[in-house]
Structure formats: C-alpha cells, structure tokens
Protein backbone atom coordinates (compact mmCIF):
# COMPACT_ATOMS: atom_id res chain seq x y z
CA UNK A 1 -0.35 -0.15 0.32
CA UNK A 2 1.08 3.48 -0.43
CA UNK A 3 1.03 5.56 2.57
CA UNK A 4 1.14 9.50 3.11
CA UNK A 5 2.37 10.79 6.24
CA UNK A 6 1.95 14.92 5.39
CA UNK A 7 2.94 17.74 7.79
CA UNK A 8 0.24 18.79 10.20
CA UNK A 9 -1.26 22.09 9.26
CA UNK A 10 -3.06 22.90 12.50
CA UNK A 11 -1.80 26.22 14.43
CA UNK A 12 1.47 25.04 16.90
CA UNK A 13 0.89 21.45 15.78
CA UNK A 14 4.33 20.08 15.92
CA UNK A 15 3.60 16.18 16.27
CA UNK A 16 3.72 13.84 13.30
CA UNK A 17 1.87 10.87 12.79
CA UNK A 18 4.75 8.57 12.77
CA UNK A 19 8.29 8.29 13.99
CA UNK A 20 11.14 6.93 11.89
CA UNK A 21 10.90 3.95 13.66
CA UNK A 22 7.32 3.39 12.75
CA UNK A 23 7.68 3.88 9.12
CA UNK A 24 10.59 1.49 9.17
CA UNK A 25 7.97 -1.11 10.28
CA UNK A 26 5.94 -0.25 7.41
CA UNK A 27 8.82 -0.42 5.01
CA UNK A 28 9.74 -3.94 6.07
CA UNK A 29 5.81 -4.85 5.58
CA UNK A 30 6.36 -4.09 2.17
CA UNK A 31 4.51 -0.67 2.05
CA UNK A 32 5.66 2.24 0.21
CA UNK A 33 5.97 5.31 2.71
CA UNK A 34 5.92 8.97 1.41
CA UNK A 35 6.73 11.80 4.04
CA UNK A 36 6.37 15.45 3.42
CA UNK A 37 9.41 17.45 3.74
CA UNK A 38 9.56 18.76 7.37
CA UNK A 39 6.76 16.88 8.34
CA UNK A 40 9.06 15.83 11.22
CA UNK A 41 10.90 18.57 12.34
CA UNK A 42 8.59 19.77 15.33
CA UNK A 43 9.31 16.35 17.01
CA UNK A 44 12.77 16.26 16.50
CA UNK A 45 12.64 13.97 13.41
CA UNK A 46 14.68 15.10 10.37
CA UNK A 47 13.90 14.26 6.57
CA UNK A 48 17.16 11.89 6.45
CA UNK A 49 15.87 9.86 9.34
CA UNK A 50 13.00 9.07 7.14
CA UNK A 51 14.87 8.63 4.07
CA UNK A 52 17.36 6.27 6.19
CA UNK A 53 14.45 3.60 6.99
CA UNK A 54 13.08 3.52 3.68
CA UNK A 55 10.51 6.34 2.98
CA UNK A 56 10.35 8.70 0.12
CA UNK A 57 10.30 12.39 1.24
CA UNK A 58 8.38 14.72 -1.02
CA UNK A 59 8.06 18.21 -1.26
CA UNK A 60 4.41 19.36 -0.88
CA UNK A 61 1.18 18.21 1.00
CA UNK A 62 -0.16 17.75 -2.34
CA UNK A 63 2.26 15.14 -3.52
CA UNK A 64 1.81 13.18 -0.59
CA UNK A 65 -2.19 13.10 -0.98
CA UNK A 66 -2.39 12.38 -4.62
CA UNK A 67 -0.49 9.28 -4.83
CA UNK A 68 -1.50 7.78 -1.20
CA UNK A 69 -3.89 5.03 -0.81
CA UNK A 70 -4.06 5.82 2.92
CA UNK A 71 -3.05 9.04 4.24
CA UNK A 72 -2.32 8.96 8.05
CA UNK A 73 -2.43 12.21 10.27
CA UNK A 74 -2.31 13.76 13.87
CA UNK A 75 -5.27 16.06 13.73
CA UNK A 76 -8.03 16.83 11.82
CA UNK A 77 -7.43 17.90 8.02
CA UNK A 78 -7.83 21.94 7.78
CA UNK A 79 -10.21 23.46 4.90
CA UNK A 80 -6.74 24.04 2.90
CA UNK A 81 -6.89 20.32 2.67
CA UNK A 82 -10.19 19.55 1.87
CA UNK A 83 -9.07 19.81 -1.90
CA UNK A 84 -7.32 16.63 -1.65
CA UNK A 85 -10.02 14.57 -0.68
CA UNK A 86 -11.04 11.67 -3.16
CA UNK A 87 -13.35 8.64 -2.89
CA UNK A 88 -10.77 5.92 -2.90
CA UNK A 89 -8.63 7.56 -0.11
CA UNK A 90 -8.73 6.01 3.47
CA UNK A 91 -7.98 8.97 6.02
CA UNK A 92 -7.05 8.04 9.74
CA UNK A 93 -6.24 10.76 12.76
CA UNK A 94 -7.94 12.17 15.46
CA UNK A 95 -10.88 13.87 13.53
CA UNK A 96 -13.36 15.00 16.56
CA UNK A 97 -16.13 15.50 14.12
CA UNK A 98 -19.14 15.90 16.69
CA UNK A 99 -17.99 19.89 16.60
CA UNK A 100 -16.96 20.22 13.07
CA UNK A 101 -19.79 20.44 10.78
CA UNK A 102 -17.75 21.72 7.71
CA UNK A 103 -15.06 18.75 7.67
CA UNK A 104 -17.81 16.30 8.24
CA UNK A 105 -19.98 17.47 5.33
CA UNK A 106 -16.37 17.63 3.33
CA UNK A 107 -15.68 14.16 4.38
CA UNK A 108 -19.27 12.97 3.43
CA UNK A 109 -19.19 14.64 -0.09
CA UNK A 110 -15.55 13.35 -0.80
CA UNK A 111 -16.79 9.70 -0.63
CA UNK A 112 -13.35 8.67 1.09
CA UNK A 113 -13.30 6.44 4.51
CA UNK A 114 -12.70 8.36 7.62
CA UNK A 115 -11.48 6.64 10.63
CA UNK A 116 -11.08 8.56 13.82
CA UNK A 117 -8.39 7.46 16.20
CA UNK A 118 -10.57 8.47 19.15
CA UNK A 119 -13.27 6.41 18.29
CA UNK A 120 -11.33 3.14 17.61
CA UNK A 121 -12.76 1.17 20.92
CA UNK A 122 -12.38 -2.43 21.90
CA UNK A 123 -15.07 -4.62 23.44
CA UNK A 124 -14.43 -3.70 26.88
CA UNK A 125 -15.52 0.22 25.90
CA UNK A 126 -11.93 1.19 26.13
CA UNK A 127 -10.36 3.61 23.98
CA UNK A 128 -6.33 2.44 22.87
CA UNK A 129 -5.49 5.10 20.53
CA UNK A 130 -7.03 8.15 22.44
CA UNK A 131 -5.82 6.84 25.85
CA UNK A 132 -1.84 7.83 25.50
CA UNK A 133 -2.74 11.57 24.05
CA UNK A 134 -5.60 11.72 27.34
CA UNK A 135 -2.36 10.93 29.50
CA UNK A 136 -0.44 13.57 28.14
CA UNK A 137 -2.95 16.13 28.06
CA UNK A 138 -4.29 15.15 31.75
CA UNK A 139 -0.91 15.39 33.05
CA UNK A 140 -0.35 18.64 31.16
CA UNK A 141 -3.77 19.97 32.48
CA UNK A 142 -2.47 20.18 36.27
CA UNK A 143 1.14 21.82 34.74
CA UNK A 144 -0.24 24.58 32.98
CA UNK A 145 -3.06 25.18 35.62
CA UNK A 146 -0.19 25.78 38.01
CA UNK A 147 1.66 27.75 35.63
CA UNK A 148 -1.45 30.07 34.68
CA UNK A 149 -2.54 30.67 38.45
CA UNK A 150 1.18 32.62 38.85
CA UNK A 151 0.73 36.11 39.04
CA UNK A 152 2.90 36.90 36.37
CA UNK A 153 0.34 34.90 34.32
CA UNK A 154 -2.81 36.80 35.28
CA UNK A 155 -3.65 34.14 37.90
CA UNK A 156 -4.48 34.99 41.65
CA UNK A 157 -1.07 34.09 42.43
CA UNK A 158 -1.64 30.88 44.31
CA UNK A 159 1.08 27.87 44.80
CA UNK A 160 -0.85 24.52 44.31
CA UNK A 161 1.35 22.78 46.94
CA UNK A 162 1.09 25.73 49.30
CA UNK A 163 3.94 25.86 52.14
CA UNK A 164 4.19 24.73 55.52
CA UNK A 165 1.33 27.07 57.39
CA UNK A 166 -0.54 28.17 54.00
CA UNK A 167 -3.26 25.88 52.79
CA UNK A 168 -2.80 24.21 49.39
CA UNK A 169 -4.59 25.18 46.24
CA UNK A 170 -7.57 23.44 45.35
CA UNK A 171 -7.91 21.52 42.40
CA UNK A 172 -11.62 20.15 41.01
CA UNK A 173 -11.16 17.69 38.31
CA UNK A 174 -14.62 16.85 36.45
CA UNK A 175 -14.37 13.29 34.96
CA UNK A 176 -12.41 10.13 36.39
CA UNK A 177 -11.30 8.99 33.41
CA UNK A 178 -8.12 8.83 31.92
CA UNK A 179 -7.25 12.47 31.78
CA UNK A 180 -9.23 12.79 35.07
CA UNK A 181 -7.14 10.43 36.74
CA UNK A 182 -3.96 11.69 35.06
CA UNK A 183 -4.65 15.44 36.25
CA UNK A 184 -5.36 14.59 39.55
CA UNK A 185 -1.79 12.60 39.60
CA UNK A 186 -0.18 15.53 39.00
CA UNK A 187 -1.93 18.04 40.90
CA UNK A 188 -1.41 15.55 43.88
CA UNK A 189 2.00 15.53 42.93
CA UNK A 190 2.02 19.39 43.14
CA UNK A 191 0.81 19.13 46.93
CA UNK A 192 -2.68 20.56 45.81
CA UNK A 193 -5.76 19.47 47.53
CA UNK A 194 -7.89 17.30 44.87
CA UNK A 195 -11.28 16.67 44.02
CA UNK A 196 -12.54 14.08 41.35
CA UNK A 197 -16.09 13.79 40.18
CA UNK A 198 -17.91 11.42 38.29
CA UNK A 199 -20.96 9.48 37.63
CA UNK A 200 -19.56 6.18 37.89
CA UNK A 201 -19.61 4.78 41.56
CA UNK A 202 -17.05 1.95 40.37
CA UNK A 203 -14.59 4.38 38.96
CA UNK A 204 -14.91 6.65 42.08
CA UNK A 205 -13.96 3.41 44.26
CA UNK A 206 -11.15 2.49 41.75
CA UNK A 207 -9.91 6.14 42.29
CA UNK A 208 -10.08 6.15 45.60
CA UNK A 209 -8.25 3.01 45.74
CA UNK A 210 -5.82 4.06 43.27
CA UNK A 211 -4.70 7.41 45.20
CA UNK A 212 -5.08 5.74 48.59
CA UNK A 213 -7.72 8.14 49.77
CA UNK A 214 -5.28 11.05 49.38
CA UNK A 215 -7.81 12.35 46.37
CA UNK A 216 -11.33 13.21 47.51
CA UNK A 217 -14.02 11.58 45.23
CA UNK A 218 -17.36 13.01 44.91
CA UNK A 219 -20.67 11.63 42.71
CA UNK A 220 -20.89 14.16 39.94
CA UNK A 221 -24.61 16.25 40.48
CA UNK A 222 -25.11 19.75 39.39
CA UNK A 223 -25.56 20.54 43.44
CA UNK A 224 -22.34 18.53 44.29
CA UNK A 225 -20.34 20.17 41.16
CA UNK A 226 -21.59 23.70 42.27
CA UNK A 227 -20.30 23.10 46.09
CA UNK A 228 -16.75 22.16 44.93
CA UNK A 229 -16.38 24.64 42.04
CA UNK A 230 -16.87 27.32 44.02
CA UNK A 231 -14.04 28.93 45.27
CA UNK A 232 -11.88 26.39 43.35
CA UNK A 233 -8.44 27.68 42.17
CA UNK A 234 -8.29 25.44 39.32
CA UNK A 235 -11.21 23.25 37.37
CA UNK A 236 -10.01 20.83 34.81
CA UNK A 237 -12.81 19.68 32.19
CA UNK A 238 -12.20 15.98 31.45
CA UNK A 239 -15.53 14.80 30.16
CA UNK A 240 -15.72 12.24 27.11
CA UNK A 241 -18.53 10.61 25.52
CA UNK A 242 -16.72 8.84 22.71
CA UNK A 243 -17.34 10.38 19.17
CA UNK A 244 -20.30 12.76 20.91
CA UNK A 245 -19.94 16.20 21.81
CA UNK A 246 -18.88 16.95 25.48
CA UNK A 247 -21.83 17.77 27.84
CA UNK A 248 -21.32 21.41 29.31
CA UNK A 249 -21.63 20.11 32.99
CA UNK A 250 -19.79 23.43 34.41
CA UNK A 251 -22.31 26.38 34.03
CA UNK A 252 -21.42 29.93 34.02
CA UNK A 253 -22.78 30.53 37.18
CA UNK A 254 -20.18 28.09 38.18
CA UNK A 255 -17.52 29.61 36.91
CA UNK A 256 -18.45 32.98 38.05
CA UNK A 257 -18.68 31.44 41.81
CA UNK A 258 -14.67 30.58 41.46
CA UNK A 259 -13.60 34.17 41.60
CA UNK A 260 -10.98 36.19 40.07
CA UNK A 261 -7.75 34.64 38.93
CA UNK A 262 -8.75 31.22 38.94
CA UNK A 263 -7.95 29.04 36.14
CA UNK A 264 -10.32 26.71 33.80
CA UNK A 265 -8.41 24.14 31.84
CA UNK A 266 -11.16 22.37 29.24
CA UNK A 267 -9.56 19.46 27.93
CA UNK A 268 -12.69 18.34 26.16
CA UNK A 269 -12.46 21.41 24.10
CA UNK A 270 -11.75 19.38 21.16
CA UNK A 271 -15.28 17.50 21.63
CA UNK A 272 -16.71 21.16 22.11
CA UNK A 273 -15.86 21.56 25.73
CA UNK A 274 -17.50 20.57 29.12
CA UNK A 275 -17.41 24.27 30.32
CA UNK A 276 -19.77 26.66 29.37
CA UNK A 277 -18.10 29.38 29.03
CA UNK A 278 -15.65 27.83 26.91
CA UNK A 279 -17.11 29.18 23.68
CA UNK A 280 -13.96 28.73 21.26
CA UNK A 281 -10.46 26.70 21.21
CA UNK A 282 -7.50 28.57 21.63
CA UNK A 283 -3.75 27.94 20.36
CA UNK A 284 -0.61 27.28 21.88
CA UNK A 285 0.41 30.92 20.93
CA UNK A 286 -2.59 32.50 22.11
CA UNK A 287 -3.71 29.41 24.82
CA UNK A 288 -6.03 31.71 27.16
CA UNK A 289 -9.09 34.38 27.42
CA UNK A 290 -10.97 35.69 30.38
CA UNK A 291 -14.49 35.25 31.28
CA UNK A 292 -15.61 36.78 34.53
CA UNK A 293 -12.59 37.14 35.61
CA UNK A 294 -11.65 33.66 35.58
CA UNK A 295 -8.71 32.34 32.94
CA UNK A 296 -9.52 29.91 30.39
CA UNK A 297 -7.21 27.41 28.74
CA UNK A 298 -8.79 25.88 25.81
CA UNK A 299 -6.06 24.39 23.66
CA UNK A 300 -7.88 21.57 21.39
CA UNK A 301 -4.22 19.74 20.92
CA UNK A 302 -2.73 20.18 24.04
CA UNK A 303 0.02 17.33 23.28
CA UNK A 304 1.24 19.33 20.31
CA UNK A 305 3.31 21.27 23.00
CA UNK A 306 5.34 18.16 24.07
CA UNK A 307 5.48 16.87 20.42
CA UNK A 308 8.48 14.39 21.22
CA UNK A 309 7.01 12.60 24.20
CA UNK A 310 3.30 12.78 22.33
CA UNK A 311 4.62 11.36 18.71
CA UNK A 312 6.69 8.63 20.06
CA UNK A 313 3.25 7.59 22.50
CA UNK A 314 1.07 7.88 19.56
CA UNK A 315 3.29 5.71 17.19
CA UNK A 316 3.49 3.38 20.08
CA UNK A 317 -0.23 3.21 20.12
CA UNK A 318 -1.25 3.14 16.54
CA UNK A 319 1.24 1.48 14.59
CA UNK A 320 -0.36 -1.83 15.09
CA UNK A 321 -3.66 -0.72 14.00
CA UNK A 322 -2.02 1.16 10.98
CA UNK A 323 -0.17 -2.08 9.88
CA UNK A 324 -3.65 -4.18 10.15
CA UNK A 325 -5.24 -1.10 7.52
CA UNK A 326 -2.62 -1.70 5.32
CA UNK A 327 -2.24 -5.27 5.48
CA UNK A 328 -5.47 -5.60 3.75
CA UNK A 329 -8.42 -4.01 1.71
CA UNK A 330 -10.31 -1.75 4.08
CA UNK A 331 -13.47 -3.81 4.65
CA UNK A 332 -11.42 -6.75 5.31
CA UNK A 333 -9.48 -5.02 8.11
CA UNK A 334 -13.27 -3.58 9.40
CA UNK A 335 -14.69 -7.31 9.48
CA UNK A 336 -11.46 -8.59 11.23
CA UNK A 337 -11.23 -6.19 13.71
CA UNK A 338 -14.46 -4.85 15.21
CA UNK A 339 -12.90 -2.02 17.16
CA UNK A 340 -11.53 -0.50 13.53
CA UNK A 341 -15.11 -0.84 12.30
CA UNK A 342 -16.15 1.34 15.61
CA UNK A 343 -13.45 4.08 14.56
CA UNK A 344 -15.23 4.15 11.11
CA UNK A 345 -16.76 7.90 10.97
CA UNK A 346 -17.59 8.49 7.27
CA UNK A 347 -17.55 5.87 4.43
CA UNK A 348 -18.99 6.44 0.78
CA UNK A 349 -21.03 9.32 1.64
CA UNK A 350 -22.75 8.19 4.70
CA UNK A 351 -21.79 8.75 8.84
CA UNK A 352 -21.10 5.51 10.39
CA UNK A 353 -20.74 6.62 13.82
CA UNK A 354 -24.07 6.94 15.48
CA UNK A 355 -22.57 9.65 17.66
CA UNK A 356 -21.35 11.79 14.76
CA UNK A 357 -24.74 11.48 13.08
CA UNK A 358 -26.43 12.68 16.10
CA UNK A 359 -24.13 15.45 16.73
CA UNK A 360 -25.02 16.49 13.34
CA UNK A 361 -28.48 15.66 13.13
CA UNK A 362 -27.86 13.39 10.08
CA UNK A 363 -28.77 10.02 9.29
CA UNK A 364 -26.46 6.82 10.50
CA UNK A 365 -25.66 4.21 8.36
CA UNK A 366 -24.33 0.91 9.31
CA UNK A 367 -21.04 0.32 7.19
CA UNK A 368 -21.67 -3.37 6.35
CA UNK A 369 -24.91 -2.02 4.73
CA UNK A 370 -23.18 1.06 2.80
CA UNK A 371 -20.51 -1.78 1.72
CA UNK A 372 -23.06 -4.12 0.40
CA UNK A 373 -24.64 -1.69 -1.80
C-alpha cells in the first residue's frame, strides 16, 4: 500500500503521525511510505532519518495526498486540505467530528473513508488510541493550570502545593477517566487538595483505591459540582463521551463562583468543551482568554506542546492498527477487527458513527450496509 504522512497544518501542532521507527516497520512490511518534507521537524525527526529507513521524502502536501491510498495524520484536516479528498482514499487520525460540521460535510461529499483514532474502541469500551494522548493532556492540565495561577500570567498568585502554614490550592477535576486520573495524579504530586467527580460509582471506588484516599472523590451531580467549584483555584474539564459532543457540566454561574484569577483548563474542548464559558478553542500561541475574571485555557491540541513525547506515544499506540489497515482491503480489515469498524466515522458518503450522526442531526448508516450497496 502507498501510505502518506503529511506535515500537520493546525496552528502550533508539532507532532507527526509516525516516528522514523514506525515508518521502518511499514517499509519492512512491504509498503511504500511518503513523508512530506519537514513533517517531523517539530518532533525532532529530520528528513534524513525518514530517508534512512526507506521512506520517500516529497516536497509538498499535494505530493503526499495525490498518490497515497491511505493518509495518516495526527489532527483533523483543515479547509486548505479538503481539496485533496477523493473517494478512493482512507484517512486516519484524530478527527473529533462532533463539533466540526464543515469537515464532516467535506468528508461525506468526498466519498472517502475516515477513521477517527478517538473512536476506535475495544470490546471492553476502552479507547486504545485516545488513551496515550489523554494521559499527556491530563498531566499537562495540572501543569499548565499551575502556571496560569501565577500572578505573572494573570492568575490569583496561588502555589498549588502551598507551603508549611499556608493551605494548598484547590483543584477540581470533572471526570474520572484517563484525562481526569492523570490530571489528579500530577495535581496531587504538586501538593494540591484534589477533588475528582464522576457519575460512575465503580470508577470513584477505583480512584479512591488508586490514590489511597489522598484524593477526594464525589459523585457528580449539578449540586455537588457547584459546591466544590465555588472558590476552586483550578477546574479541569475531563469529560468524554466517545464520538459525541461533550456536555456542558460546569455552568457559567459555577465559573463566576470561582472568583477572579482562578483557572479553567477544558481538555474536552476538542469535543466541544465541558465548561459553558468555553465558547471557542485557543492555540498554544494564544492559549487563554478571560471570562468573569477567570482564566480559560482551551487549547484543542494540548499534546502538540510536547511533540516528541506525544509522537512516540502516538506511534506506539497506532502502529499495529495502521499495519492492520495496510495489510488488506479496508472492508476486510474492518470485519477482522470490530474495534476498527467502531472507529469508522464516514464511509462512501454516509456517516457510520452513531454519535457523529446525532451531533449533526444526520442519518446514521451501518457500514456493512453501505459496503453492500
């Protein structure tokens, strides 16, 4: 198969879809891999490293997209890339289509197959390709929250860990999944007082055991959430419903109650955001804005700030799935690996993920029925 790796176009996105080591595995499998010149520079991988493992380095995005049978990306294509879409192409990467009507329509109109890493789901409900980036984003959430609490960055001047004789900062994590667990882990490591909310009592029991009672756990209801958010120094939005828009659980009134100089980090912004006052994504170049005196950090590609770590983690998680897709025709791979089929968002002009269809009020189609037409 001809596999293309373009350079990411999203602002301040420094990751690349495959390390040279990942490319080497695909070349050993007998595939042709084309990498756009400079695609790996942000992660510390030069063109010569890709050439050394058998990739062809090509000068432009058009050169990658025009000949590839499968394009492997990190983040969703931008409008400037829509012109490269065509019916016989397979696209894989983090798509997050629920809040992206224009991209969803472009994919439908193209007739191509689009697989979202974030919706590849195992039988046990886990998301093997989202988890490594969730780990990175969760750990970063506490880290950047601590930074923006500093007065020099506009915060209220709170040190999360406090010092002897001074209370630590208060951190509230909304959602106890992979993002929330990692955010809580780093916040606790910094010495903060940490509360994690979730709607699953089993997850709360697991968190209590995992953190040995050092993190407070609370069942998530609007009342409980309002109680702990009031006066909090840092709130981390860590809610995920695979494929769907994130629900606005932290209301505007709750944000007001935090007080001036507090910080919100909404990791769920790439799925629409879980905080009502997060009304647009931000970038690493301009990461924050202020509402009601509260600093909002809403960068939709947080792991792009630590691209070397993130690219290694992404390749380790994605390589076997890419090899699976490349080893046989698409429909054979989907039948062989149901988790891949769950990751198929758009196919032959139809939306094939139910939550993406629901988000855009479009009809949903079973991919097997689409394939049989």
